[in-house]
Amino acid sequence: MRNAEFCILRWFGYNVSPTWYAEKPAVSTWNYAAVHTKGKVEYLDDDNTLACLDELISQYEPSILNDTNLLPDDYQAKLLRGIVGIKIKLDSIQAKEKLGQHKSVADQQGVVAGLKKDKHPDAQSLLSYMLKTEVGIGKDINS
């Protein structure tokens, strides 16, 4: 099995319009969350790749795992030729959230209202994340 350096960047965010803020003057900015990871990649052989696929199927669709009509061995072997299985041993993880935490409660509430009106999938993804983590949504932490 070969080893290599690997880096993953997971980033999502969306433009925040200055019109969403209660306080003026204001400028356009981005709210975002990002995760950077670094590590060593280990390429898996076919047996280990199949084991990983079985584990994935067991987690998400356990009823089809042993369905030989849906997933016969020859079909799995054919698909396996197009799959590169990897395992990553992480050396570092860095994460950052810039979700308007430093803004006033009124400005944060304005951003939430603006994101709710904006139907772009990235806006909705960011809003969902902010609501789930309760960061930058205008909750007064002093009350």
Foldseek 3Di string as FASTA:
>chain_A
DDKDKDKDKDKAWDKFCCVLFPDDDDHIDIWMKMKMWIFMKDWDDLVVQVVVVLVVCCVPPVVCSPVCVVPPPVNVVVVSVVDTDIDTDTPDMDMDTRQPQVPALSSLCSRLVVLVVDPDPSSVVVNVVCVVVVGSNRDDPVD
